[in-house]
């Protein structure tokens, strides 16, 4: 895929998750890349039928690029808990039920860990970022951050499972952490750095 990103680019963020749209917008803002959400353009959400973060990210990015006629970026990410065999994984949002209630989802993670009897509380967040062009060309990049599950939830910053995840080397959860520090450490940043190294052209 040619390097399509540069200062002044317009980019559709193929997500209806306001937290993801906000975090991605903050990453691109210093580069003067204008981000629009799929929701603001009225684009429909495609069915996520993939079996991995990368597959689902590609599905969403390609659909948004085709629907908008613009470059589109999709994020598919989630929490993988070692003692639960990597669950909830690609089903992270679904663990919150039809309303995608992450309070409910975090409670389920804790309940299933307690039911398993496992002492292991290690986990990781994975993020797959896919960039797609209207002609169908696309590329995907994946980042991970490792840490530990804690209970009860701590902090009201971030979104999703952030209040129960403490990254390795730190004592605060992502829900307690200053957003700027979280952005530096996160799985999303690690995928973003790969994407920019591959697809961004310095003016």
N, C-alpha and C. Protein backbone atom coordinates (compact mmCIF):
# COMPACT_ATOMS: atom_id res chain seq x y z
N UNK A 1 0.85 -1.19 0.00
CA UNK A 1 0.00 0.00 0.00
C UNK A 1 0.89 1.24 0.00
N UNK A 2 0.69 2.20 -0.93
CA UNK A 2 1.47 3.44 -0.92
C UNK A 2 1.24 4.20 0.38
N UNK A 3 2.13 5.15 0.69
CA UNK A 3 1.97 5.93 1.91
C UNK A 3 0.94 7.04 1.67
N UNK A 4 -0.30 6.87 2.19
CA UNK A 4 -1.36 7.82 1.86
C UNK A 4 -1.55 8.95 2.88
N UNK A 5 -0.88 8.89 4.03
CA UNK A 5 -1.13 9.87 5.09
C UNK A 5 -0.08 10.98 5.09
N UNK A 6 -0.56 12.21 5.25
CA UNK A 6 0.33 13.37 5.33
C UNK A 6 -0.43 14.47 6.05
N UNK A 7 0.27 15.56 6.37
CA UNK A 7 -0.41 16.67 7.03
C UNK A 7 -1.56 17.17 6.15
N UNK A 8 -2.70 17.39 6.79
CA UNK A 8 -3.87 17.86 6.06
C UNK A 8 -4.77 16.75 5.56
N UNK A 9 -4.37 15.49 5.76
CA UNK A 9 -5.23 14.37 5.34
C UNK A 9 -6.55 14.38 6.10
N UNK A 10 -7.57 13.85 5.44
CA UNK A 10 -8.86 13.61 6.10
C UNK A 10 -9.00 12.11 6.29
N UNK A 11 -9.50 11.74 7.44
CA UNK A 11 -9.55 10.33 7.81
C UNK A 11 -10.86 10.03 8.51
N UNK A 12 -11.58 9.02 8.01
CA UNK A 12 -12.80 8.58 8.67
C UNK A 12 -12.43 7.53 9.71
N UNK A 13 -12.83 7.75 10.96
CA UNK A 13 -12.61 6.76 12.01
C UNK A 13 -13.83 5.84 12.01
N UNK A 14 -13.62 4.60 11.62
CA UNK A 14 -14.72 3.65 11.43
C UNK A 14 -15.12 3.01 12.75
N UNK A 15 -15.66 3.85 13.63
CA UNK A 15 -16.08 3.36 14.95
C UNK A 15 -17.24 4.20 15.45
N UNK A 16 -18.11 3.55 16.20
CA UNK A 16 -19.19 4.25 16.90
C UNK A 16 -18.88 4.34 18.39
N UNK A 17 -17.70 3.90 18.78
CA UNK A 17 -17.26 3.97 20.17
C UNK A 17 -16.60 5.35 20.39
N UNK A 18 -17.27 6.21 21.16
CA UNK A 18 -16.79 7.58 21.32
C UNK A 18 -15.40 7.63 21.96
N UNK A 19 -15.14 6.68 22.88
CA UNK A 19 -13.83 6.65 23.52
C UNK A 19 -12.72 6.38 22.53
N UNK A 20 -12.94 5.43 21.64
CA UNK A 20 -11.93 5.12 20.62
C UNK A 20 -11.74 6.29 19.65
N UNK A 21 -12.85 6.89 19.23
CA UNK A 21 -12.76 8.02 18.30
C UNK A 21 -11.98 9.15 18.94
N UNK A 22 -12.24 9.41 20.22
CA UNK A 22 -11.54 10.50 20.91
C UNK A 22 -10.05 10.20 21.02
N UNK A 23 -9.69 8.98 21.45
CA UNK A 23 -8.27 8.65 21.62
C UNK A 23 -7.53 8.70 20.29
N UNK A 24 -8.14 8.19 19.24
CA UNK A 24 -7.48 8.22 17.93
C UNK A 24 -7.35 9.66 17.42
N UNK A 25 -8.38 10.46 17.64
CA UNK A 25 -8.31 11.86 17.24
C UNK A 25 -7.18 12.59 17.93
N UNK A 26 -6.95 12.27 19.22
CA UNK A 26 -5.86 12.89 19.97
C UNK A 26 -4.49 12.48 19.42
N UNK A 27 -4.38 11.24 18.95
CA UNK A 27 -3.11 10.77 18.39
C UNK A 27 -2.80 11.49 17.07
N UNK A 28 -3.83 11.71 16.26
CA UNK A 28 -3.60 12.33 14.94
C UNK A 28 -3.53 13.85 14.99
N UNK A 29 -4.09 14.47 16.03
CA UNK A 29 -4.19 15.93 16.08
C UNK A 29 -2.85 16.65 15.89
N UNK A 30 -1.75 16.21 16.53
CA UNK A 30 -0.48 16.92 16.35
C UNK A 30 0.03 16.88 14.91
N UNK A 31 -0.49 15.95 14.11
CA UNK A 31 -0.04 15.81 12.73
C UNK A 31 -0.96 16.54 11.76
N UNK A 32 -1.93 17.28 12.31
CA UNK A 32 -2.86 18.06 11.48
C UNK A 32 -3.64 17.15 10.53
N UNK A 33 -3.98 15.94 11.03
CA UNK A 33 -4.83 15.03 10.26
C UNK A 33 -6.24 15.13 10.82
N UNK A 34 -7.18 15.50 9.97
CA UNK A 34 -8.56 15.76 10.39
C UNK A 34 -9.36 14.46 10.45
N UNK A 35 -9.84 14.11 11.63
CA UNK A 35 -10.57 12.86 11.81
C UNK A 35 -12.07 13.10 11.92
N UNK A 36 -12.83 12.32 11.17
CA UNK A 36 -14.29 12.34 11.23
C UNK A 36 -14.75 10.96 11.68
N UNK A 37 -15.81 10.91 12.46
CA UNK A 37 -16.31 9.60 12.88
C UNK A 37 -17.31 9.05 11.87
N UNK A 38 -17.37 7.72 11.80
CA UNK A 38 -18.35 7.08 10.93
C UNK A 38 -19.76 7.48 11.34
N UNK A 39 -19.97 7.67 12.63
CA UNK A 39 -21.30 8.06 13.12
C UNK A 39 -21.71 9.42 12.57
N UNK A 40 -20.75 10.37 12.52
CA UNK A 40 -21.07 11.72 12.05
C UNK A 40 -21.45 11.72 10.57
N UNK A 41 -21.00 10.71 9.84
CA UNK A 41 -21.32 10.59 8.41
C UNK A 41 -22.53 9.69 8.16
N UNK A 42 -23.08 9.13 9.23
CA UNK A 42 -24.24 8.26 9.11
C UNK A 42 -23.95 6.93 8.45
N UNK A 43 -22.69 6.48 8.54
CA UNK A 43 -22.34 5.20 7.92
C UNK A 43 -22.83 4.04 8.78
N UNK A 44 -23.35 2.98 8.18
CA UNK A 44 -23.82 1.83 8.95
C UNK A 44 -22.65 1.03 9.52
N UNK A 45 -22.90 0.35 10.62
CA UNK A 45 -21.88 -0.52 11.21
C UNK A 45 -21.95 -1.89 10.53
N UNK A 46 -20.87 -2.37 9.94
CA UNK A 46 -20.91 -3.71 9.33
C UNK A 46 -20.87 -4.79 10.40
N UNK A 47 -21.33 -5.97 10.06
CA UNK A 47 -21.24 -7.10 10.98
C UNK A 47 -19.78 -7.51 11.13
N UNK A 48 -19.36 -7.68 12.37
CA UNK A 48 -17.98 -8.10 12.65
C UNK A 48 -17.93 -9.62 12.67
N UNK A 49 -17.67 -10.18 11.50
CA UNK A 49 -17.72 -11.64 11.35
C UNK A 49 -16.34 -12.29 11.37
N UNK A 50 -15.30 -11.49 11.59
CA UNK A 50 -13.94 -12.03 11.60
C UNK A 50 -13.66 -12.88 12.84
N UNK A 51 -12.56 -13.62 12.78
CA UNK A 51 -12.17 -14.47 13.89
C UNK A 51 -10.94 -13.94 14.62
N UNK A 52 -10.55 -12.71 14.31
CA UNK A 52 -9.41 -12.09 14.98
C UNK A 52 -9.62 -10.59 14.99
N UNK A 53 -8.84 -9.90 15.83
CA UNK A 53 -8.91 -8.44 15.84
C UNK A 53 -8.58 -7.88 14.46
N UNK A 54 -7.56 -8.43 13.82
CA UNK A 54 -7.13 -7.92 12.51
C UNK A 54 -8.23 -8.07 11.46
N UNK A 55 -8.89 -9.22 11.45
CA UNK A 55 -9.95 -9.45 10.46
C UNK A 55 -11.11 -8.48 10.67
N UNK A 56 -11.51 -8.28 11.92
CA UNK A 56 -12.62 -7.37 12.18
C UNK A 56 -12.25 -5.92 11.88
N UNK A 57 -11.01 -5.54 12.16
CA UNK A 57 -10.57 -4.18 11.84
C UNK A 57 -10.63 -3.94 10.33
N UNK A 58 -10.20 -4.91 9.56
CA UNK A 58 -10.24 -4.77 8.10
C UNK A 58 -11.66 -4.67 7.58
N UNK A 59 -12.56 -5.45 8.13
CA UNK A 59 -13.96 -5.40 7.71
C UNK A 59 -14.52 -3.99 7.89
N UNK A 60 -14.27 -3.41 9.07
CA UNK A 60 -14.82 -2.09 9.38
C UNK A 60 -14.16 -0.98 8.56
N UNK A 61 -12.85 -1.05 8.42
CA UNK A 61 -12.14 -0.01 7.66
C UNK A 61 -12.55 -0.02 6.20
N UNK A 62 -12.62 -1.21 5.60
CA UNK A 62 -12.99 -1.28 4.18
C UNK A 62 -14.42 -0.80 3.95
N UNK A 63 -15.33 -1.13 4.87
CA UNK A 63 -16.72 -0.70 4.72
C UNK A 63 -16.82 0.82 4.82
N UNK A 64 -16.10 1.42 5.75
CA UNK A 64 -16.16 2.88 5.91
C UNK A 64 -15.50 3.60 4.74
N UNK A 65 -14.40 3.05 4.23
CA UNK A 65 -13.74 3.67 3.08
C UNK A 65 -14.64 3.62 1.85
N UNK A 66 -15.26 2.49 1.64
CA UNK A 66 -16.16 2.35 0.49
C UNK A 66 -17.38 3.26 0.63
N UNK A 67 -17.93 3.33 1.85
CA UNK A 67 -19.14 4.11 2.07
C UNK A 67 -18.91 5.61 2.02
N UNK A 68 -17.71 6.04 2.41
CA UNK A 68 -17.42 7.47 2.47
C UNK A 68 -16.64 7.99 1.27
N UNK A 69 -15.98 7.07 0.56
CA UNK A 69 -15.11 7.49 -0.53
C UNK A 69 -13.84 8.16 -0.05
N UNK A 70 -13.48 7.93 1.22
CA UNK A 70 -12.29 8.53 1.81
C UNK A 70 -11.45 7.46 2.50
N UNK A 71 -10.22 7.83 2.86
CA UNK A 71 -9.41 6.94 3.69
C UNK A 71 -10.15 6.70 5.00
N UNK A 72 -10.08 5.46 5.47
CA UNK A 72 -10.77 5.11 6.72
C UNK A 72 -9.86 4.28 7.61
N UNK A 73 -9.94 4.56 8.89
CA UNK A 73 -9.16 3.83 9.88
C UNK A 73 -10.11 3.15 10.85
N UNK A 74 -9.84 1.89 11.11
CA UNK A 74 -10.64 1.15 12.07
C UNK A 74 -9.76 0.59 13.17
N UNK A 75 -10.30 0.58 14.36
CA UNK A 75 -9.65 0.00 15.53
C UNK A 75 -10.50 -1.17 16.00
N UNK A 76 -9.92 -2.35 16.10
CA UNK A 76 -10.59 -3.46 16.76
C UNK A 76 -9.69 -3.90 17.90
N UNK A 77 -10.21 -3.82 19.10
CA UNK A 77 -9.36 -4.07 20.25
C UNK A 77 -10.16 -4.74 21.36
N UNK A 78 -9.42 -5.30 22.32
CA UNK A 78 -10.10 -5.95 23.42
C UNK A 78 -9.13 -6.47 24.45
N UNK A 79 -9.72 -7.03 25.48
CA UNK A 79 -8.99 -7.56 26.62
C UNK A 79 -8.86 -9.07 26.50
N UNK A 80 -7.65 -9.57 26.68
CA UNK A 80 -7.41 -11.02 26.65
C UNK A 80 -6.86 -11.44 28.02
N UNK A 81 -7.61 -12.27 28.72
CA UNK A 81 -7.23 -12.70 30.07
C UNK A 81 -6.67 -14.12 30.00
N UNK A 82 -5.44 -14.27 30.47
CA UNK A 82 -4.74 -15.56 30.32
C UNK A 82 -5.51 -16.71 30.93
N UNK A 83 -6.01 -16.55 32.17
CA UNK A 83 -6.68 -17.64 32.87
C UNK A 83 -8.03 -17.99 32.26
N UNK A 84 -8.55 -17.12 31.39
CA UNK A 84 -9.83 -17.38 30.72
C UNK A 84 -9.60 -17.81 29.27
N UNK A 85 -8.38 -18.28 28.97
CA UNK A 85 -8.08 -18.76 27.63
C UNK A 85 -8.10 -17.66 26.58
N UNK A 86 -7.81 -16.42 26.99
CA UNK A 86 -7.80 -15.31 26.05
C UNK A 86 -9.12 -14.58 25.91
N UNK A 87 -10.15 -15.06 26.59
CA UNK A 87 -11.43 -14.36 26.57
C UNK A 87 -11.34 -13.11 27.45
N UNK A 88 -12.18 -12.10 27.22
CA UNK A 88 -13.22 -12.03 26.19
C UNK A 88 -12.70 -11.79 24.77
N UNK A 89 -11.46 -11.32 24.61
CA UNK A 89 -10.89 -11.22 23.27
C UNK A 89 -11.72 -10.40 22.31
N UNK A 90 -11.98 -10.98 21.14
CA UNK A 90 -12.74 -10.25 20.12
C UNK A 90 -14.20 -10.05 20.53
N UNK A 91 -14.61 -10.70 21.62
CA UNK A 91 -15.98 -10.55 22.11
C UNK A 91 -16.04 -9.55 23.27
N UNK A 92 -15.01 -8.73 23.44
CA UNK A 92 -14.93 -7.84 24.61
C UNK A 92 -16.16 -6.96 24.77
N UNK A 93 -16.63 -6.34 23.69
CA UNK A 93 -17.80 -5.48 23.80
C UNK A 93 -19.06 -6.31 24.09
N UNK A 94 -19.13 -7.50 23.52
CA UNK A 94 -20.34 -8.33 23.68
C UNK A 94 -20.52 -8.81 25.11
N UNK A 95 -19.42 -8.88 25.86
CA UNK A 95 -19.55 -9.30 27.27
C UNK A 95 -20.34 -8.26 28.06
N UNK A 96 -20.54 -7.08 27.51
CA UNK A 96 -21.34 -6.06 28.16
C UNK A 96 -22.81 -6.14 27.82
N UNK A 97 -23.21 -7.17 27.08
CA UNK A 97 -24.61 -7.33 26.71
C UNK A 97 -25.01 -6.41 25.57
N UNK A 98 -26.31 -6.41 25.24
CA UNK A 98 -26.80 -5.60 24.11
C UNK A 98 -26.48 -4.12 24.24
N UNK A 99 -26.41 -3.63 25.47
CA UNK A 99 -26.14 -2.20 25.69
C UNK A 99 -24.65 -1.89 25.75
N UNK A 100 -23.80 -2.94 25.62
CA UNK A 100 -22.34 -2.78 25.73
C UNK A 100 -21.98 -2.05 27.03
N UNK A 101 -22.55 -2.57 28.12
CA UNK A 101 -22.34 -2.02 29.46
C UNK A 101 -21.04 -2.62 30.01
N UNK A 102 -19.98 -1.79 30.07
CA UNK A 102 -18.70 -2.33 30.50
C UNK A 102 -18.62 -2.53 32.00
N UNK A 103 -19.53 -1.93 32.76
CA UNK A 103 -19.63 -2.29 34.17
C UNK A 103 -20.03 -3.75 34.29
N UNK A 104 -21.00 -4.15 33.48
CA UNK A 104 -21.44 -5.55 33.44
C UNK A 104 -20.32 -6.44 32.93
N UNK A 105 -19.60 -5.98 31.91
CA UNK A 105 -18.52 -6.78 31.33
C UNK A 105 -17.39 -7.01 32.34
N UNK A 106 -17.01 -5.96 33.07
CA UNK A 106 -15.95 -6.10 34.06
C UNK A 106 -16.38 -7.05 35.17
N UNK A 107 -17.64 -6.96 35.57
CA UNK A 107 -18.16 -7.87 36.60
C UNK A 107 -18.08 -9.31 36.12
N UNK A 108 -18.37 -9.53 34.86
CA UNK A 108 -18.31 -10.90 34.32
C UNK A 108 -16.87 -11.42 34.32
N UNK A 109 -15.91 -10.57 33.95
CA UNK A 109 -14.51 -10.99 33.98
C UNK A 109 -14.13 -11.43 35.39
N UNK A 110 -14.47 -10.61 36.38
CA UNK A 110 -14.13 -10.96 37.76
C UNK A 110 -14.83 -12.24 38.21
N UNK A 111 -16.10 -12.37 37.87
CA UNK A 111 -16.86 -13.55 38.26
C UNK A 111 -16.26 -14.82 37.67
N UNK A 112 -15.88 -14.76 36.39
CA UNK A 112 -15.34 -15.95 35.75
C UNK A 112 -13.93 -16.27 36.25
N UNK A 113 -13.17 -15.24 36.60
CA UNK A 113 -11.86 -15.50 37.20
C UNK A 113 -12.01 -16.18 38.56
N UNK A 114 -12.95 -15.69 39.35
CA UNK A 114 -13.18 -16.30 40.66
C UNK A 114 -13.67 -17.73 40.51
N UNK A 115 -14.56 -17.95 39.55
CA UNK A 115 -15.09 -19.30 39.32
C UNK A 115 -14.00 -20.27 38.86
N UNK A 116 -13.02 -19.75 38.13
CA UNK A 116 -11.95 -20.61 37.61
C UNK A 116 -11.01 -21.07 38.71
N UNK A 117 -10.96 -20.30 39.79
CA UNK A 117 -10.05 -20.64 40.88
C UNK A 117 -8.59 -20.37 40.57
N UNK A 118 -8.32 -19.77 39.43
CA UNK A 118 -6.93 -19.53 39.02
C UNK A 118 -6.34 -18.35 39.78
N UNK A 119 -5.08 -18.49 40.17
CA UNK A 119 -4.38 -17.39 40.83
C UNK A 119 -3.83 -16.39 39.81
N UNK A 120 -3.70 -16.84 38.58
CA UNK A 120 -3.14 -16.01 37.51
C UNK A 120 -4.11 -14.89 37.15
N UNK A 121 -3.66 -13.66 37.28
CA UNK A 121 -4.48 -12.50 36.91
C UNK A 121 -3.86 -11.71 35.76
N UNK A 122 -2.92 -12.33 35.05
CA UNK A 122 -2.28 -11.61 33.95
C UNK A 122 -3.24 -11.48 32.76
N UNK A 123 -3.06 -10.38 32.03
CA UNK A 123 -3.92 -10.10 30.88
C UNK A 123 -3.19 -9.15 29.95
N UNK A 124 -3.76 -8.97 28.79
CA UNK A 124 -3.23 -7.96 27.88
C UNK A 124 -4.36 -7.36 27.07
N UNK A 125 -4.16 -6.11 26.68
CA UNK A 125 -5.01 -5.49 25.68
C UNK A 125 -4.33 -5.65 24.34
N UNK A 126 -5.12 -5.94 23.30
CA UNK A 126 -4.62 -6.00 21.93
C UNK A 126 -5.41 -5.00 21.10
N UNK A 127 -4.71 -4.31 20.21
CA UNK A 127 -5.35 -3.38 19.29
C UNK A 127 -4.87 -3.66 17.87
N UNK A 128 -5.81 -3.83 16.96
CA UNK A 128 -5.50 -3.92 15.53
C UNK A 128 -6.03 -2.66 14.87
N UNK A 129 -5.15 -1.93 14.20
CA UNK A 129 -5.54 -0.75 13.43
C UNK A 129 -5.45 -1.08 11.95
N UNK A 130 -6.54 -0.86 11.23
CA UNK A 130 -6.55 -1.11 9.79
C UNK A 130 -6.83 0.20 9.07
N UNK A 131 -6.01 0.50 8.09
CA UNK A 131 -6.23 1.67 7.23
C UNK A 131 -6.63 1.16 5.86
N UNK A 132 -7.73 1.68 5.34
CA UNK A 132 -8.24 1.24 4.03
C UNK A 132 -8.50 2.44 3.13
N UNK A 133 -8.26 2.26 1.86
CA UNK A 133 -8.56 3.26 0.84
C UNK A 133 -9.85 2.88 0.12
N UNK A 134 -10.53 3.84 -0.53
CA UNK A 134 -11.78 3.52 -1.22
C UNK A 134 -11.63 2.45 -2.29
N UNK A 135 -10.42 2.28 -2.86
CA UNK A 135 -10.23 1.27 -3.90
C UNK A 135 -10.05 -0.14 -3.33
N UNK A 136 -10.11 -0.27 -1.99
CA UNK A 136 -10.02 -1.58 -1.37
C UNK A 136 -8.67 -1.95 -0.83
N UNK A 137 -7.63 -1.19 -1.19
CA UNK A 137 -6.31 -1.46 -0.63
C UNK A 137 -6.34 -1.20 0.87
N UNK A 138 -5.71 -2.07 1.65
CA UNK A 138 -5.75 -1.93 3.10
C UNK A 138 -4.53 -2.58 3.73
N UNK A 139 -4.22 -2.12 4.93
CA UNK A 139 -3.12 -2.69 5.70
C UNK A 139 -3.48 -2.63 7.17
N UNK A 140 -3.00 -3.62 7.94
CA UNK A 140 -3.36 -3.70 9.36
C UNK A 140 -2.10 -3.81 10.22
N UNK A 141 -2.16 -3.21 11.41
CA UNK A 141 -1.04 -3.19 12.34
C UNK A 141 -1.57 -3.55 13.73
N UNK A 142 -0.79 -4.29 14.50
CA UNK A 142 -1.26 -4.77 15.79
C UNK A 142 -0.30 -4.42 16.92
N UNK A 143 -0.85 -3.95 18.04
CA UNK A 143 -0.07 -3.63 19.22
C UNK A 143 -0.67 -4.26 20.46
N UNK A 144 0.18 -4.53 21.46
CA UNK A 144 -0.28 -5.13 22.71
C UNK A 144 0.34 -4.41 23.90
N UNK A 145 -0.37 -4.41 25.03
CA UNK A 145 0.18 -3.96 26.30
C UNK A 145 -0.21 -4.99 27.36
N UNK A 146 0.75 -5.36 28.20
CA UNK A 146 0.54 -6.43 29.17
C UNK A 146 0.38 -5.88 30.58
N UNK A 147 -0.38 -6.59 31.41
CA UNK A 147 -0.61 -6.13 32.76
C UNK A 147 -1.36 -7.15 33.59
N UNK A 148 -2.11 -6.65 34.59
CA UNK A 148 -2.79 -7.49 35.57
C UNK A 148 -4.21 -7.00 35.78
N UNK A 149 -5.12 -7.94 36.01
CA UNK A 149 -6.50 -7.62 36.33
C UNK A 149 -6.63 -7.39 37.84
N UNK A 150 -7.30 -6.30 38.23
CA UNK A 150 -7.55 -6.01 39.64
C UNK A 150 -9.06 -5.91 39.87
N UNK A 151 -9.45 -6.05 41.13
CA UNK A 151 -10.85 -5.88 41.51
C UNK A 151 -10.91 -5.31 42.90
N UNK A 152 -11.78 -4.35 43.18
CA UNK A 152 -12.81 -3.77 42.32
C UNK A 152 -12.24 -2.77 41.32
N UNK A 153 -13.07 -2.31 40.38
CA UNK A 153 -12.62 -1.32 39.40
C UNK A 153 -12.15 -0.04 40.09
N UNK A 154 -11.16 0.61 39.48
CA UNK A 154 -10.60 1.83 40.05
C UNK A 154 -10.45 2.89 38.96
N UNK A 155 -11.03 4.06 39.20
CA UNK A 155 -10.86 5.19 38.29
C UNK A 155 -11.98 5.33 37.29
N UNK A 156 -12.24 6.57 36.90
CA UNK A 156 -13.33 6.87 35.96
C UNK A 156 -12.82 7.43 34.64
N UNK A 157 -11.50 7.40 34.44
CA UNK A 157 -10.95 7.86 33.17
C UNK A 157 -10.95 6.71 32.18
N UNK A 158 -10.61 7.01 30.93
CA UNK A 158 -10.56 5.96 29.92
C UNK A 158 -11.94 5.43 29.61
N UNK A 159 -12.00 4.18 29.17
CA UNK A 159 -13.29 3.57 28.82
C UNK A 159 -13.10 2.06 28.80
N UNK A 160 -14.18 1.34 28.55
CA UNK A 160 -14.09 -0.11 28.46
C UNK A 160 -13.60 -0.75 29.75
N UNK A 161 -12.63 -1.63 29.63
CA UNK A 161 -12.09 -2.38 30.77
C UNK A 161 -10.97 -1.64 31.51
N UNK A 162 -10.72 -0.38 31.16
CA UNK A 162 -9.59 0.36 31.75
C UNK A 162 -9.55 0.33 33.28
N UNK A 163 -10.70 0.42 33.98
CA UNK A 163 -10.64 0.49 35.44
C UNK A 163 -10.18 -0.80 36.14
N UNK A 164 -10.07 -1.92 35.42
CA UNK A 164 -9.61 -3.16 36.08
C UNK A 164 -8.25 -3.63 35.54
N UNK A 165 -7.58 -2.79 34.74
CA UNK A 165 -6.31 -3.19 34.12
C UNK A 165 -5.18 -2.30 34.60
N UNK A 166 -4.17 -2.93 35.24
CA UNK A 166 -2.96 -2.22 35.66
C UNK A 166 -1.82 -2.66 34.74
N UNK A 167 -1.25 -1.74 33.94
CA UNK A 167 -0.16 -2.15 33.05
C UNK A 167 1.10 -2.48 33.83
N UNK A 168 1.88 -3.40 33.30
CA UNK A 168 3.12 -3.82 33.94
C UNK A 168 4.02 -2.61 34.21
N UNK A 169 4.57 -2.58 35.44
CA UNK A 169 5.48 -1.50 35.81
C UNK A 169 4.80 -0.30 36.45
N UNK A 170 3.47 -0.35 36.60
CA UNK A 170 2.71 0.76 37.16
C UNK A 170 1.79 0.25 38.26
N UNK A 171 1.26 1.18 39.06
CA UNK A 171 0.34 0.81 40.15
C UNK A 171 -1.07 1.31 39.88
N UNK A 172 -1.22 2.28 38.99
CA UNK A 172 -2.54 2.80 38.64
C UNK A 172 -3.18 1.97 37.54
N UNK A 173 -4.50 1.87 37.57
CA UNK A 173 -5.21 1.28 36.43
C UNK A 173 -5.24 2.30 35.30
N UNK A 174 -5.56 1.82 34.09
CA UNK A 174 -5.77 2.75 32.98
C UNK A 174 -6.91 3.72 33.29
N UNK A 175 -7.84 3.29 34.15
CA UNK A 175 -8.96 4.16 34.52
C UNK A 175 -8.57 5.27 35.46
N UNK A 176 -7.44 5.11 36.18
CA UNK A 176 -6.95 6.14 37.09
C UNK A 176 -5.88 7.02 36.46
N UNK A 177 -5.22 6.50 35.46
CA UNK A 177 -4.02 7.11 34.90
C UNK A 177 -4.34 8.36 34.10
N UNK A 178 -3.41 9.33 34.14
CA UNK A 178 -3.52 10.51 33.28
C UNK A 178 -3.64 10.05 31.82
N UNK A 179 -4.62 10.54 31.08
CA UNK A 179 -4.80 10.08 29.70
C UNK A 179 -3.56 10.20 28.82
N UNK A 180 -2.75 11.23 29.06
CA UNK A 180 -1.54 11.39 28.25
C UNK A 180 -0.57 10.25 28.49
N UNK A 181 -0.45 9.81 29.76
CA UNK A 181 0.43 8.68 30.06
C UNK A 181 -0.14 7.39 29.50
N UNK A 182 -1.44 7.21 29.65
CA UNK A 182 -2.07 6.01 29.09
C UNK A 182 -1.84 5.93 27.58
N UNK A 183 -1.99 7.06 26.90
CA UNK A 183 -1.80 7.07 25.44
C UNK A 183 -0.38 6.68 25.05
N UNK A 184 0.60 7.04 25.89
CA UNK A 184 1.99 6.70 25.59
C UNK A 184 2.24 5.19 25.73
N UNK A 185 1.49 4.56 26.66
CA UNK A 185 1.74 3.15 27.00
C UNK A 185 0.86 2.17 26.24
N UNK A 186 -0.23 2.66 25.72
CA UNK A 186 -1.31 1.76 25.33
C UNK A 186 -1.03 0.91 24.09
N UNK A 187 -1.79 -0.15 24.01
CA UNK A 187 -1.81 -1.03 22.84
C UNK A 187 -2.15 -0.24 21.58
N UNK A 188 -3.02 0.76 21.74
CA UNK A 188 -3.42 1.58 20.59
C UNK A 188 -2.23 2.41 20.09
N UNK A 189 -1.46 2.97 21.02
CA UNK A 189 -0.28 3.74 20.63
C UNK A 189 0.74 2.85 19.93
N UNK A 190 0.91 1.64 20.41
CA UNK A 190 1.90 0.75 19.81
C UNK A 190 1.51 0.37 18.38
N UNK A 191 0.23 0.16 18.15
CA UNK A 191 -0.22 -0.11 16.79
C UNK A 191 -0.13 1.16 15.93
N UNK A 192 -0.46 2.31 16.54
CA UNK A 192 -0.42 3.59 15.84
C UNK A 192 1.00 3.90 15.35
N UNK A 193 1.99 3.66 16.20
CA UNK A 193 3.38 3.95 15.82
C UNK A 193 3.80 3.11 14.62
N UNK A 194 3.38 1.84 14.59
CA UNK A 194 3.70 0.99 13.44
C UNK A 194 3.04 1.52 12.17
N UNK A 195 1.76 1.90 12.31
CA UNK A 195 1.02 2.41 11.15
C UNK A 195 1.68 3.67 10.59
N UNK A 196 2.03 4.59 11.48
CA UNK A 196 2.62 5.84 11.02
C UNK A 196 3.99 5.63 10.38
N UNK A 197 4.77 4.73 10.95
CA UNK A 197 6.08 4.44 10.36
C UNK A 197 5.94 3.89 8.95
N UNK A 198 4.88 3.14 8.71
CA UNK A 198 4.69 2.51 7.41
C UNK A 198 3.95 3.39 6.40
N UNK A 199 3.02 4.23 6.87
CA UNK A 199 2.08 4.86 5.93
C UNK A 199 2.03 6.38 5.97
N UNK A 200 2.85 7.02 6.80
CA UNK A 200 2.83 8.48 6.90
C UNK A 200 4.03 9.07 6.15
N UNK A 201 3.76 10.11 5.38
CA UNK A 201 4.81 10.81 4.63
C UNK A 201 5.05 12.17 5.28
N UNK A 202 6.27 12.42 5.70
CA UNK A 202 6.63 13.74 6.23
C UNK A 202 6.64 14.75 5.09
N UNK A 203 6.06 15.90 5.33
CA UNK A 203 6.08 16.97 4.31
C UNK A 203 7.47 17.58 4.20
